[in-house]
């Protein structure tokens, strides 16, 4: 940004803050006339907050599922023993390897 643009933006912000701080300008806002718009704002805000619960519950139950699977899931069977016959898989063309000692 150029220096003049930064200076104008700073000046505008300072004037805006001063105008908002003056009592005569601040008194022009009234909550009496807010009625319906205030209720709409509150309802829309509540809906947005409640919509955030959907991904939060998905993440929560995903975490619970992952943690319980890690804690209570089946233990992995070691490769040396305990493997059922139907779980063994034979690859064609591969057989036992013989090693000759020099």
C-alpha atoms as a PDB file:
ATOM      1  CA  UNK A   1       0.000   0.000   0.000  1.00  0.00           C
ATOM      2  CA  UNK A   2       1.170   3.488  -0.663  1.00  0.00           C
ATOM      3  CA  UNK A   3       1.951   5.874   2.150  1.00  0.00           C
ATOM      4  CA  UNK A   4      -0.925   8.189   1.256  1.00  0.00           C
ATOM      5  CA  UNK A   5      -3.422   5.342   1.288  1.00  0.00           C
ATOM      6  CA  UNK A   6      -2.168   4.162   4.691  1.00  0.00           C
ATOM      7  CA  UNK A   7      -2.393   7.710   6.043  1.00  0.00           C
ATOM      8  CA  UNK A   8      -5.947   8.165   4.710  1.00  0.00           C
ATOM      9  CA  UNK A   9      -7.026   4.823   6.164  1.00  0.00           C
ATOM     10  CA  UNK A  10      -5.547   5.723   9.558  1.00  0.00           C
ATOM     11  CA  UNK A  11      -7.217   9.142   9.494  1.00  0.00           C
ATOM     12  CA  UNK A  12     -10.568   7.636   8.508  1.00  0.00           C
ATOM     13  CA  UNK A  13     -10.335   5.072  11.307  1.00  0.00           C
ATOM     14  CA  UNK A  14      -9.491   7.724  13.897  1.00  0.00           C
ATOM     15  CA  UNK A  15     -12.396   9.950  12.802  1.00  0.00           C
ATOM     16  CA  UNK A  16     -14.765   6.983  12.859  1.00  0.00           C
ATOM     17  CA  UNK A  17     -13.690   6.002  16.394  1.00  0.00           C
ATOM     18  CA  UNK A  18     -14.045   9.601  17.624  1.00  0.00           C
ATOM     19  CA  UNK A  19     -17.528   9.891  16.112  1.00  0.00           C
ATOM     20  CA  UNK A  20     -18.611   6.639  17.731  1.00  0.00           C
ATOM     21  CA  UNK A  21     -17.250   7.768  21.087  1.00  0.00           C
ATOM     22  CA  UNK A  22     -19.227  11.020  21.200  1.00  0.00           C
ATOM     23  CA  UNK A  23     -22.340  10.773  23.386  1.00  0.00           C
ATOM     24  CA  UNK A  24     -24.669  12.474  20.911  1.00  0.00           C
ATOM     25  CA  UNK A  25     -23.847   9.990  18.163  1.00  0.00           C
ATOM     26  CA  UNK A  26     -23.908   7.017  20.526  1.00  0.00           C
ATOM     27  CA  UNK A  27     -27.384   7.897  21.840  1.00  0.00           C
ATOM     28  CA  UNK A  28     -28.926   7.585  18.394  1.00  0.00           C
ATOM     29  CA  UNK A  29     -28.794   3.793  18.682  1.00  0.00           C
ATOM     30  CA  UNK A  30     -31.741   2.412  20.609  1.00  0.00           C
ATOM     31  CA  UNK A  31     -32.601  -1.143  21.595  1.00  0.00           C
ATOM     32  CA  UNK A  32     -36.313  -0.293  21.690  1.00  0.00           C
ATOM     33  CA  UNK A  33     -36.536  -0.306  17.902  1.00  0.00           C
ATOM     34  CA  UNK A  34     -34.399  -3.403  17.494  1.00  0.00           C
ATOM     35  CA  UNK A  35     -37.252  -5.855  18.280  1.00  0.00           C
ATOM     36  CA  UNK A  36     -37.658  -8.180  15.309  1.00  0.00           C
ATOM     37  CA  UNK A  37     -34.156  -7.707  13.912  1.00  0.00           C
ATOM     38  CA  UNK A  38     -32.661  -8.597  17.294  1.00  0.00           C
ATOM     39  CA  UNK A  39     -34.697 -11.823  17.450  1.00  0.00           C
ATOM     40  CA  UNK A  40     -33.696 -12.724  13.881  1.00  0.00           C
ATOM     41  CA  UNK A  41     -30.052 -12.114  14.762  1.00  0.00           C
ATOM     42  CA  UNK A  42     -30.322 -14.313  17.872  1.00  0.00           C
ATOM     43  CA  UNK A  43     -32.114 -17.122  16.000  1.00  0.00           C
ATOM     44  CA  UNK A  44     -29.652 -17.141  13.100  1.00  0.00           C
ATOM     45  CA  UNK A  45     -26.744 -17.139  15.576  1.00  0.00           C
ATOM     46  CA  UNK A  46     -28.252 -20.065  17.480  1.00  0.00           C
ATOM     47  CA  UNK A  47     -28.764 -22.025  14.245  1.00  0.00           C
ATOM     48  CA  UNK A  48     -25.151 -21.429  13.199  1.00  0.00           C
ATOM     49  CA  UNK A  49     -23.896 -22.586  16.600  1.00  0.00           C
ATOM     50  CA  UNK A  50     -26.125 -25.677  16.502  1.00  0.00           C
ATOM     51  CA  UNK A  51     -24.945 -26.531  12.975  1.00  0.00           C
ATOM     52  CA  UNK A  52     -21.405 -26.742  14.330  1.00  0.00           C
ATOM     53  CA  UNK A  53     -22.501 -29.683  16.470  1.00  0.00           C
ATOM     54  CA  UNK A  54     -22.869 -31.932  13.398  1.00  0.00           C
ATOM     55  CA  UNK A  55     -19.161 -32.104  12.461  1.00  0.00           C
ATOM     56  CA  UNK A  56     -18.245 -32.043  16.153  1.00  0.00           C
ATOM     57  CA  UNK A  57     -20.276 -35.207  16.823  1.00  0.00           C
ATOM     58  CA  UNK A  58     -18.820 -36.898  13.736  1.00  0.00           C
ATOM     59  CA  UNK A  59     -15.287 -36.147  14.935  1.00  0.00           C
ATOM     60  CA  UNK A  60     -16.127 -37.161  18.513  1.00  0.00           C
ATOM     61  CA  UNK A  61     -17.547 -40.570  17.603  1.00  0.00           C
ATOM     62  CA  UNK A  62     -14.743 -41.145  15.106  1.00  0.00           C
ATOM     63  CA  UNK A  63     -12.255 -40.532  17.916  1.00  0.00           C
ATOM     64  CA  UNK A  64     -14.164 -42.818  20.288  1.00  0.00           C
ATOM     65  CA  UNK A  65     -14.284 -45.549  17.621  1.00  0.00           C
ATOM     66  CA  UNK A  66     -10.572 -45.283  16.890  1.00  0.00           C
ATOM     67  CA  UNK A  67      -9.623 -45.261  20.555  1.00  0.00           C
ATOM     68  CA  UNK A  68     -11.851 -48.211  21.431  1.00  0.00           C
ATOM     69  CA  UNK A  69     -10.557 -50.208  18.446  1.00  0.00           C
ATOM     70  CA  UNK A  70      -6.997 -49.585  19.600  1.00  0.00           C
ATOM     71  CA  UNK A  71      -7.844 -50.525  23.178  1.00  0.00           C
ATOM     72  CA  UNK A  72     -10.251 -53.450  22.699  1.00  0.00           C
ATOM     73  CA  UNK A  73      -9.602 -54.585  19.115  1.00  0.00           C
ATOM     74  CA  UNK A  74      -8.235 -57.950  18.056  1.00  0.00           C
ATOM     75  CA  UNK A  75      -4.560 -58.422  18.637  1.00  0.00           C
ATOM     76  CA  UNK A  76      -2.413 -59.099  15.594  1.00  0.00           C
ATOM     77  CA  UNK A  77      -1.245 -62.693  15.320  1.00  0.00           C
ATOM     78  CA  UNK A  78       2.502 -63.154  15.080  1.00  0.00           C
ATOM     79  CA  UNK A  79       3.817 -64.552  11.808  1.00  0.00           C
ATOM     80  CA  UNK A  80       5.533 -67.603  13.300  1.00  0.00           C
ATOM     81  CA  UNK A  81       2.555 -69.301  14.842  1.00  0.00           C
ATOM     82  CA  UNK A  82      -1.143 -69.096  15.310  1.00  0.00           C
ATOM     83  CA  UNK A  83      -2.044 -68.592  11.661  1.00  0.00           C
ATOM     84  CA  UNK A  84      -4.961 -70.642  10.443  1.00  0.00           C
ATOM     85  CA  UNK A  85      -4.581 -72.709   7.281  1.00  0.00           C
ATOM     86  CA  UNK A  86      -7.114 -70.670   5.314  1.00  0.00           C
ATOM     87  CA  UNK A  87      -5.232 -67.471   6.149  1.00  0.00           C
ATOM     88  CA  UNK A  88      -1.986 -68.762   4.634  1.00  0.00           C
ATOM     89  CA  UNK A  89      -1.364 -67.669   1.098  1.00  0.00           C
ATOM     90  CA  UNK A  90       0.928 -69.404  -1.349  1.00  0.00           C
ATOM     91  CA  UNK A  91       2.589 -67.433  -4.116  1.00  0.00           C
ATOM     92  CA  UNK A  92       3.226 -69.321  -7.304  1.00  0.00           C
ATOM     93  CA  UNK A  93       6.863 -69.602  -8.344  1.00  0.00           C
ATOM     94  CA  UNK A  94       8.235 -69.093  -4.863  1.00  0.00           C
ATOM     95  CA  UNK A  95       9.597 -71.882  -2.739  1.00  0.00           C
ATOM     96  CA  UNK A  96      11.972 -72.438   0.129  1.00  0.00           C
ATOM     97  CA  UNK A  97      15.346 -70.819  -0.263  1.00  0.00           C
ATOM     98  CA  UNK A  98      18.514 -72.818   0.294  1.00  0.00           C
ATOM     99  CA  UNK A  99      21.582 -71.006   1.508  1.00  0.00           C
ATOM    100  CA  UNK A 100      25.028 -72.462   1.063  1.00  0.00           C
ATOM    101  CA  UNK A 101      27.688 -71.536   3.581  1.00  0.00           C
ATOM    102  CA  UNK A 102      31.088 -70.715   2.037  1.00  0.00           C
END
